[in-house]
Amino acid sequence: MASAAYDHSKVDALNVSSRRIHMEAFFKHLGLWNSDKVAKTREKCIEMFCQFLNKHGYTSINQQYFEYEVDALVWYNILKRGKVLTEANQWPWSETIPKKVDLTTNDSLVYREWLRRKSRAKVDGDRGETNHPTSSKAEEHQVPALSSRRLVDRITKEGDFHSKPCANCEGQGHLLAGCITSDGFIKVCFFCEDNSHRTDACDSFKRLSLAEKVKLLVADRAGKPGLATDRPWWSYLYQFLQAKETEGISPPTAFPWTASFAREVFAGERGKPVKDIQAEFDSTNDPAMLPVDTTVRSLPDVWSFYWYHEDLPFPRRAHIPRM
């Protein structure tokens, strides 16, 4: 077998085409390249990573980050099954990681479609229409191991993510990102998952760019209770709409529930008891089945409900052009 010594330093690790061309060349260098097996491994790695994201409550993920982590899983599994995985040829770009939260790039369509299929399967299952797959070759049903050490360490630290309770409501079946059980705002820090401080007081939050802060507080909480912060989410959104650094980045088009609406859902005044709504959302991960707060559905609504009462002028970038 060829030596594992190989130069990975000249690859643009964030360019998916360059990265995958290099991966193919390296697998060939090791005598491991088989296009069919690599394709099957990639399918399994996509499935595993989608399950991982779903269990952690993600309803969307940056496409660049998704493809990067899937490639890392493929790398790990191809080398491990080829019995050539060593310290010297671990994933070589662990210091160059795309952002999970990035308003300047698209969300993963692969993960979005996976969530859609999962939701449809749940509906079909409720109707008694689910077809259960039969097993075939043992090799085709091996579960790939986790990829980079970062993911392995996270799973090890968290324990079995199938049974880890939500840091906010202590319920099973979802984590903080997927929690809608709140009597106003979610008071647990999104990053540390404890209530010793609010999310925007956390050092992890302070390291985010303004666009990333708005995605976390506004876009990612759209149609769900907002995160409790020292500065409210609409204040960060106003800053986003005024800042030069975010010019050219489209603002969010959907927004968190108002605190009063979240309290109504929590009290069972919006249809089903909140525990039933949460359980259904956990099983489908489909935001369309959540109660809809019609109070704030546009930037003009944000102004009339929040900014107007703080004597803030309507932001220029929030104006809707007339046709």
Protein backbone atom coordinates (compact mmCIF):
# COMPACT_ATOMS: atom_id res chain seq x y z
CA MET A 1 0.00 0.00 0.00
CA ALA A 2 1.24 3.53 -0.75
CA SER A 3 2.69 5.68 1.99
CA ALA A 4 0.22 7.84 3.89
CA ALA A 5 2.55 10.86 3.59
CA TYR A 6 0.71 13.45 1.55
CA ASP A 7 0.55 17.25 1.25
CA HIS A 8 -2.87 18.60 2.27
CA SER A 9 -1.74 22.17 2.90
CA LYS A 10 -2.46 23.65 -0.54
CA VAL A 11 -6.13 22.71 -0.61
CA ASP A 12 -8.84 25.33 -0.15
CA ALA A 13 -10.60 23.37 2.59
CA LEU A 14 -13.74 25.51 2.38
CA ASN A 15 -14.18 24.92 -1.36
CA VAL A 16 -16.20 21.74 -1.70
CA SER A 17 -14.98 20.93 -5.22
CA SER A 18 -11.30 21.41 -4.37
CA ARG A 19 -11.70 19.43 -1.18
CA ARG A 20 -13.40 16.47 -2.84
CA ILE A 21 -10.95 16.35 -5.75
CA HIS A 22 -8.16 16.20 -3.18
CA MET A 23 -9.97 13.53 -1.16
CA GLU A 24 -10.33 11.35 -4.25
CA ALA A 25 -6.64 11.77 -5.06
CA PHE A 26 -5.66 10.88 -1.49
CA PHE A 27 -7.90 7.80 -1.39
CA LYS A 28 -6.32 6.68 -4.67
CA HIS A 29 -2.88 7.35 -3.17
CA LEU A 30 -3.78 4.95 -0.34
CA GLY A 31 -5.26 2.39 -2.72
CA LEU A 32 -8.73 2.89 -1.23
CA TRP A 33 -10.61 4.53 -4.08
CA ASN A 34 -13.79 2.79 -5.20
CA SER A 35 -16.39 5.22 -6.51
CA ASP A 36 -19.37 2.99 -5.64
CA LYS A 37 -18.20 2.33 -2.09
CA VAL A 38 -17.37 5.98 -1.51
CA ALA A 39 -20.83 6.98 -2.79
CA LYS A 40 -22.52 4.46 -0.47
CA THR A 41 -20.39 5.64 2.45
CA ARG A 42 -21.37 9.23 1.70
CA GLU A 43 -25.07 8.31 1.72
CA LYS A 44 -24.71 6.66 5.13
CA CYS A 45 -22.71 9.59 6.48
CA ILE A 46 -25.34 12.06 5.28
CA GLU A 47 -28.04 10.02 7.02
CA MET A 48 -26.06 9.82 10.24
CA PHE A 49 -25.22 13.52 10.31
CA CYS A 50 -28.86 14.45 9.57
CA GLN A 51 -29.95 12.28 12.50
CA PHE A 52 -27.34 13.95 14.68
CA LEU A 53 -28.52 17.46 13.73
CA ASN A 54 -32.16 16.50 14.16
CA LYS A 55 -31.57 15.09 17.64
CA HIS A 56 -29.90 18.35 18.58
CA GLY A 57 -32.90 20.38 17.47
CA TYR A 58 -31.55 21.99 14.30
CA THR A 59 -34.23 22.93 11.79
CA SER A 60 -31.63 24.32 9.38
CA ILE A 61 -27.84 24.30 8.98
CA ASN A 62 -25.37 26.21 6.83
CA GLN A 63 -24.80 24.27 3.58
CA GLN A 64 -21.04 24.80 3.63
CA TYR A 65 -20.81 23.49 7.19
CA PHE A 66 -23.03 20.51 6.39
CA GLU A 67 -20.94 19.41 3.40
CA TYR A 68 -17.70 19.94 5.34
CA GLU A 69 -18.78 17.69 8.21
CA VAL A 70 -20.12 15.03 5.84
CA ASP A 71 -16.77 14.99 4.04
CA ALA A 72 -15.00 14.60 7.38
CA LEU A 73 -17.23 11.62 8.16
CA VAL A 74 -16.50 10.07 4.76
CA TRP A 75 -12.75 10.55 5.27
CA TYR A 76 -12.82 8.92 8.69
CA ASN A 77 -14.89 5.94 7.62
CA ILE A 78 -13.04 5.20 4.37
CA LEU A 79 -9.67 5.24 6.16
CA LYS A 80 -10.96 3.32 9.17
CA ARG A 81 -12.47 0.56 7.05
CA GLY A 82 -9.32 0.46 4.97
CA LYS A 83 -7.42 -0.05 8.24
CA VAL A 84 -5.07 2.85 7.51
CA LEU A 85 -6.45 5.46 9.92
CA THR A 86 -3.56 6.81 12.00
CA GLU A 87 -2.68 9.97 13.88
CA ALA A 88 -0.74 11.09 10.80
CA ASN A 89 -3.69 10.99 8.43
CA GLN A 90 -6.61 12.19 10.53
CA TRP A 91 -8.88 14.80 8.92
CA PRO A 92 -6.31 17.44 7.89
CA TRP A 93 -8.44 20.59 8.00
CA SER A 94 -9.78 20.55 11.56
CA GLU A 95 -8.59 24.12 12.10
CA THR A 96 -10.53 25.41 9.08
CA ILE A 97 -14.19 25.00 9.93
CA PRO A 98 -17.12 26.75 8.21
CA LYS A 99 -19.58 28.63 10.37
CA LYS A 100 -22.73 26.80 11.40
CA VAL A 101 -24.56 30.12 11.47
CA ASP A 102 -23.99 32.32 8.42
CA LEU A 103 -26.59 34.64 6.93
CA THR A 104 -24.44 35.15 3.83
CA THR A 105 -24.76 31.53 2.63
CA ASN A 106 -27.65 29.19 1.92
CA ASP A 107 -28.95 26.54 4.28
CA SER A 108 -28.40 22.90 3.33
CA LEU A 109 -31.06 21.70 0.90
CA VAL A 110 -30.04 18.11 1.65
CA TYR A 111 -30.87 18.51 5.33
CA ARG A 112 -34.06 20.42 4.55
CA GLU A 113 -35.23 17.60 2.26
CA TRP A 114 -34.26 15.01 4.90
CA LEU A 115 -36.47 16.80 7.42
CA ARG A 116 -39.30 16.92 4.89
CA ARG A 117 -39.04 13.18 4.23
CA LYS A 118 -38.96 12.49 7.95
CA SER A 119 -42.10 14.55 8.44
CA ARG A 120 -43.90 12.72 5.61
CA ALA A 121 -42.82 9.36 6.99
CA LYS A 122 -44.25 10.31 10.38
CA VAL A 123 -47.60 11.22 8.77
CA ASP A 124 -47.65 7.98 6.77
CA GLY A 125 -46.74 6.02 9.88
CA ASP A 126 -49.64 7.58 11.76
CA ARG A 127 -51.87 6.35 8.92
CA GLY A 128 -50.41 2.86 9.05
CA GLU A 129 -48.69 3.21 5.67
CA THR A 130 -45.05 2.94 6.67
CA ASN A 131 -43.00 0.40 4.73
CA HIS A 132 -40.25 -1.14 6.84
CA PRO A 133 -36.99 -1.72 4.98
CA THR A 134 -35.57 -5.22 4.96
CA SER A 135 -31.91 -5.88 5.65
CA SER A 136 -29.57 -6.97 2.90
CA LYS A 137 -25.81 -7.33 2.92
CA ALA A 138 -24.22 -6.73 6.31
CA GLU A 139 -21.68 -4.34 4.81
CA GLU A 140 -24.39 -2.11 3.39
CA HIS A 141 -26.01 -1.75 6.81
CA GLN A 142 -22.96 -0.91 8.86
CA VAL A 143 -23.42 2.33 10.77
CA PRO A 144 -20.55 4.72 10.03
CA ALA A 145 -18.50 5.89 12.97
CA LEU A 146 -18.49 9.56 13.86
CA SER A 147 -16.00 11.63 11.92
CA SER A 148 -13.81 14.34 13.33
CA ARG A 149 -12.63 14.39 16.90
CA ARG A 150 -14.77 17.47 17.52
CA LEU A 151 -17.97 15.52 16.89
CA VAL A 152 -16.72 12.49 18.83
CA ASP A 153 -15.80 14.71 21.76
CA ARG A 154 -19.17 16.43 21.68
CA ILE A 155 -21.08 13.16 21.71
CA THR A 156 -18.86 11.80 24.48
CA LYS A 157 -19.35 14.91 26.56
CA GLU A 158 -23.09 14.97 26.05
CA GLY A 159 -23.54 11.24 26.51
CA ASP A 160 -26.24 9.52 24.55
CA PHE A 161 -27.93 12.37 22.68
CA HIS A 162 -31.05 10.25 22.29
CA SER A 163 -31.72 10.58 26.02
CA LYS A 164 -30.21 13.94 26.98
CA PRO A 165 -32.97 16.17 28.42
CA CYS A 166 -33.63 19.69 27.18
CA ALA A 167 -31.77 22.24 29.31
CA ASN A 168 -34.85 24.50 29.32
CA CYS A 169 -37.86 22.26 30.00
CA GLU A 170 -36.01 19.03 30.94
CA GLY A 171 -38.14 17.15 28.43
CA GLN A 172 -36.91 14.26 26.31
CA GLY A 173 -36.91 14.20 22.52
CA HIS A 174 -35.38 17.61 21.84
CA LEU A 175 -32.63 19.93 22.93
CA LEU A 176 -32.67 23.66 23.57
CA ALA A 177 -32.68 24.67 19.90
CA GLY A 178 -35.96 22.79 19.39
CA CYS A 179 -37.71 23.82 22.60
CA ILE A 180 -41.02 25.74 22.40
CA THR A 181 -41.99 25.22 26.05
CA SER A 182 -41.69 28.67 27.60
CA ASP A 183 -43.78 31.10 29.61
CA GLY A 184 -42.42 34.06 27.65
CA PHE A 185 -38.74 33.74 26.77
CA ILE A 186 -36.29 30.85 27.09
CA LYS A 187 -34.08 31.91 29.98
CA VAL A 188 -31.34 29.28 29.60
CA CYS A 189 -28.11 30.29 27.83
CA PHE A 190 -28.16 28.74 24.36
CA PHE A 191 -24.44 27.93 24.50
CA CYS A 192 -23.85 26.86 28.10
CA GLU A 193 -27.32 25.33 28.60
CA ASP A 194 -27.73 26.68 32.12
CA ASN A 195 -29.52 29.67 33.64
CA SER A 196 -26.52 31.31 35.29
CA HIS A 197 -26.56 34.02 32.60
CA ARG A 198 -28.49 35.02 29.53
CA THR A 199 -27.47 34.07 26.02
CA ASP A 200 -26.08 37.47 24.97
CA ALA A 201 -23.99 37.69 28.15
CA CYS A 202 -22.11 34.54 27.12
CA ASP A 203 -18.58 34.81 25.74
CA SER A 204 -19.58 32.44 22.93
CA PHE A 205 -22.29 34.87 21.83
CA LYS A 206 -19.95 37.85 22.01
CA ARG A 207 -17.59 36.18 19.55
CA LEU A 208 -20.31 36.03 16.87
CA SER A 209 -20.58 38.62 14.12
CA LEU A 210 -23.65 40.87 14.13
CA ALA A 211 -25.19 38.85 11.29
CA GLU A 212 -24.62 35.62 13.21
CA LYS A 213 -26.18 37.11 16.35
CA VAL A 214 -29.30 38.08 14.42
CA LYS A 215 -29.54 34.65 12.81
CA LEU A 216 -29.34 32.98 16.22
CA LEU A 217 -31.78 35.30 18.01
CA VAL A 218 -34.22 36.03 15.19
CA ALA A 219 -34.08 33.69 12.20
CA ASP A 220 -33.36 30.49 14.15
CA ARG A 221 -36.10 31.30 16.70
CA ALA A 222 -38.70 32.29 14.10
CA GLY A 223 -42.08 30.80 14.92
CA LYS A 224 -40.88 29.78 18.40
CA PRO A 225 -40.32 31.51 21.75
CA GLY A 226 -37.41 33.94 21.74
CA LEU A 227 -34.26 33.58 23.81
CA ALA A 228 -34.07 35.76 26.91
CA THR A 229 -31.30 38.33 26.44
CA ASP A 230 -30.08 41.45 28.21
CA ARG A 231 -30.80 43.33 24.98
CA PRO A 232 -33.96 42.06 23.26
CA TRP A 233 -33.73 40.41 19.86
CA TRP A 234 -35.42 43.34 18.11
CA SER A 235 -32.63 45.63 19.36
CA TYR A 236 -30.02 43.44 17.67
CA LEU A 237 -32.18 43.37 14.55
CA TYR A 238 -32.39 47.17 14.53
CA GLN A 239 -28.61 47.40 14.84
CA PHE A 240 -28.29 44.89 11.98
CA LEU A 241 -30.48 47.06 9.75
CA GLN A 242 -28.43 50.18 10.53
CA ALA A 243 -24.91 48.72 10.37
CA LYS A 244 -22.64 49.09 7.34
CA GLU A 245 -21.10 45.66 7.95
CA THR A 246 -24.41 43.94 7.20
CA GLU A 247 -25.32 45.87 4.06
CA GLY A 248 -26.04 43.41 1.29
CA ILE A 249 -27.23 40.73 3.73
CA SER A 250 -30.97 40.15 3.56
CA PRO A 251 -32.79 40.68 6.86
CA PRO A 252 -34.91 37.95 8.44
CA THR A 253 -38.43 37.55 7.12
CA ALA A 254 -39.86 35.61 10.08
CA PHE A 255 -39.63 36.36 13.77
CA PRO A 256 -39.90 34.83 17.26
CA TRP A 257 -43.19 34.66 19.07
CA THR A 258 -44.17 37.60 21.22
CA ALA A 259 -43.81 36.87 24.93
CA SER A 260 -47.59 37.08 25.41
CA PHE A 261 -48.22 34.52 22.66
CA ALA A 262 -45.61 32.17 24.15
CA ARG A 263 -47.38 32.43 27.51
CA GLU A 264 -50.71 31.59 25.86
CA VAL A 265 -49.20 28.50 24.21
CA PHE A 266 -47.61 27.54 27.52
CA ALA A 267 -50.98 27.88 29.28
CA GLY A 268 -52.71 25.68 26.70
CA GLU A 269 -54.75 28.56 25.27
CA ARG A 270 -53.69 27.96 21.66
CA GLY A 271 -55.23 24.58 20.93
CA LYS A 272 -53.45 21.55 22.34
CA PRO A 273 -51.56 21.47 25.64
CA VAL A 274 -47.99 22.66 25.18
CA LYS A 275 -46.57 19.22 26.02
CA ASP A 276 -48.56 17.72 23.12
CA ILE A 277 -47.41 20.45 20.72
CA GLN A 278 -43.82 19.93 21.84
CA ALA A 279 -44.07 16.15 21.42
CA GLU A 280 -45.48 16.49 17.90
CA PHE A 281 -42.76 18.98 16.95
CA ASP A 282 -40.12 16.64 18.39
CA SER A 283 -41.34 13.77 16.24
CA THR A 284 -41.71 15.73 12.98
CA ASN A 285 -39.34 18.71 13.32
CA ASP A 286 -41.83 20.46 11.06
CA PRO A 287 -42.29 24.15 12.01
CA ALA A 288 -45.55 24.23 10.02
CA MET A 289 -47.34 22.33 12.78
CA LEU A 290 -46.50 24.93 15.47
CA PRO A 291 -49.04 27.59 16.53
CA VAL A 292 -48.70 30.78 14.48
CA ASP A 293 -48.28 34.17 16.14
CA THR A 294 -49.82 36.69 13.73
CA THR A 295 -48.75 39.72 15.78
CA VAL A 296 -45.27 40.13 14.30
CA ARG A 297 -44.96 38.74 10.77
CA SER A 298 -43.02 41.47 8.96
CA LEU A 299 -40.52 44.25 9.58
CA PRO A 300 -43.32 46.84 9.71
CA ASP A 301 -44.90 44.69 12.43
CA VAL A 302 -41.60 44.68 14.35
CA TRP A 303 -41.57 48.47 14.15
CA SER A 304 -45.17 48.94 15.31
CA PHE A 305 -44.92 46.36 18.11
CA TYR A 306 -41.40 47.07 19.38
CA TRP A 307 -39.35 49.87 17.78
CA TYR A 308 -42.15 52.48 17.75
CA HIS A 309 -42.55 52.23 21.52
CA GLU A 310 -38.82 52.82 21.95
CA ASP A 311 -39.02 56.00 19.83
CA LEU A 312 -36.89 54.47 17.09
CA PRO A 313 -37.42 55.64 13.51
CA PHE A 314 -38.29 53.07 10.91
CA PRO A 315 -34.99 51.68 9.55
CA ARG A 316 -34.23 52.66 5.96
CA ARG A 317 -33.23 49.11 5.03
CA ALA A 318 -36.50 47.76 6.39
CA HIS A 319 -38.60 49.72 3.91
CA ILE A 320 -40.52 47.61 1.44
CA PRO A 321 -40.09 49.10 -2.06
CA ARG A 322 -43.35 50.06 -3.76
CA MET A 323 -43.99 48.47 -7.15
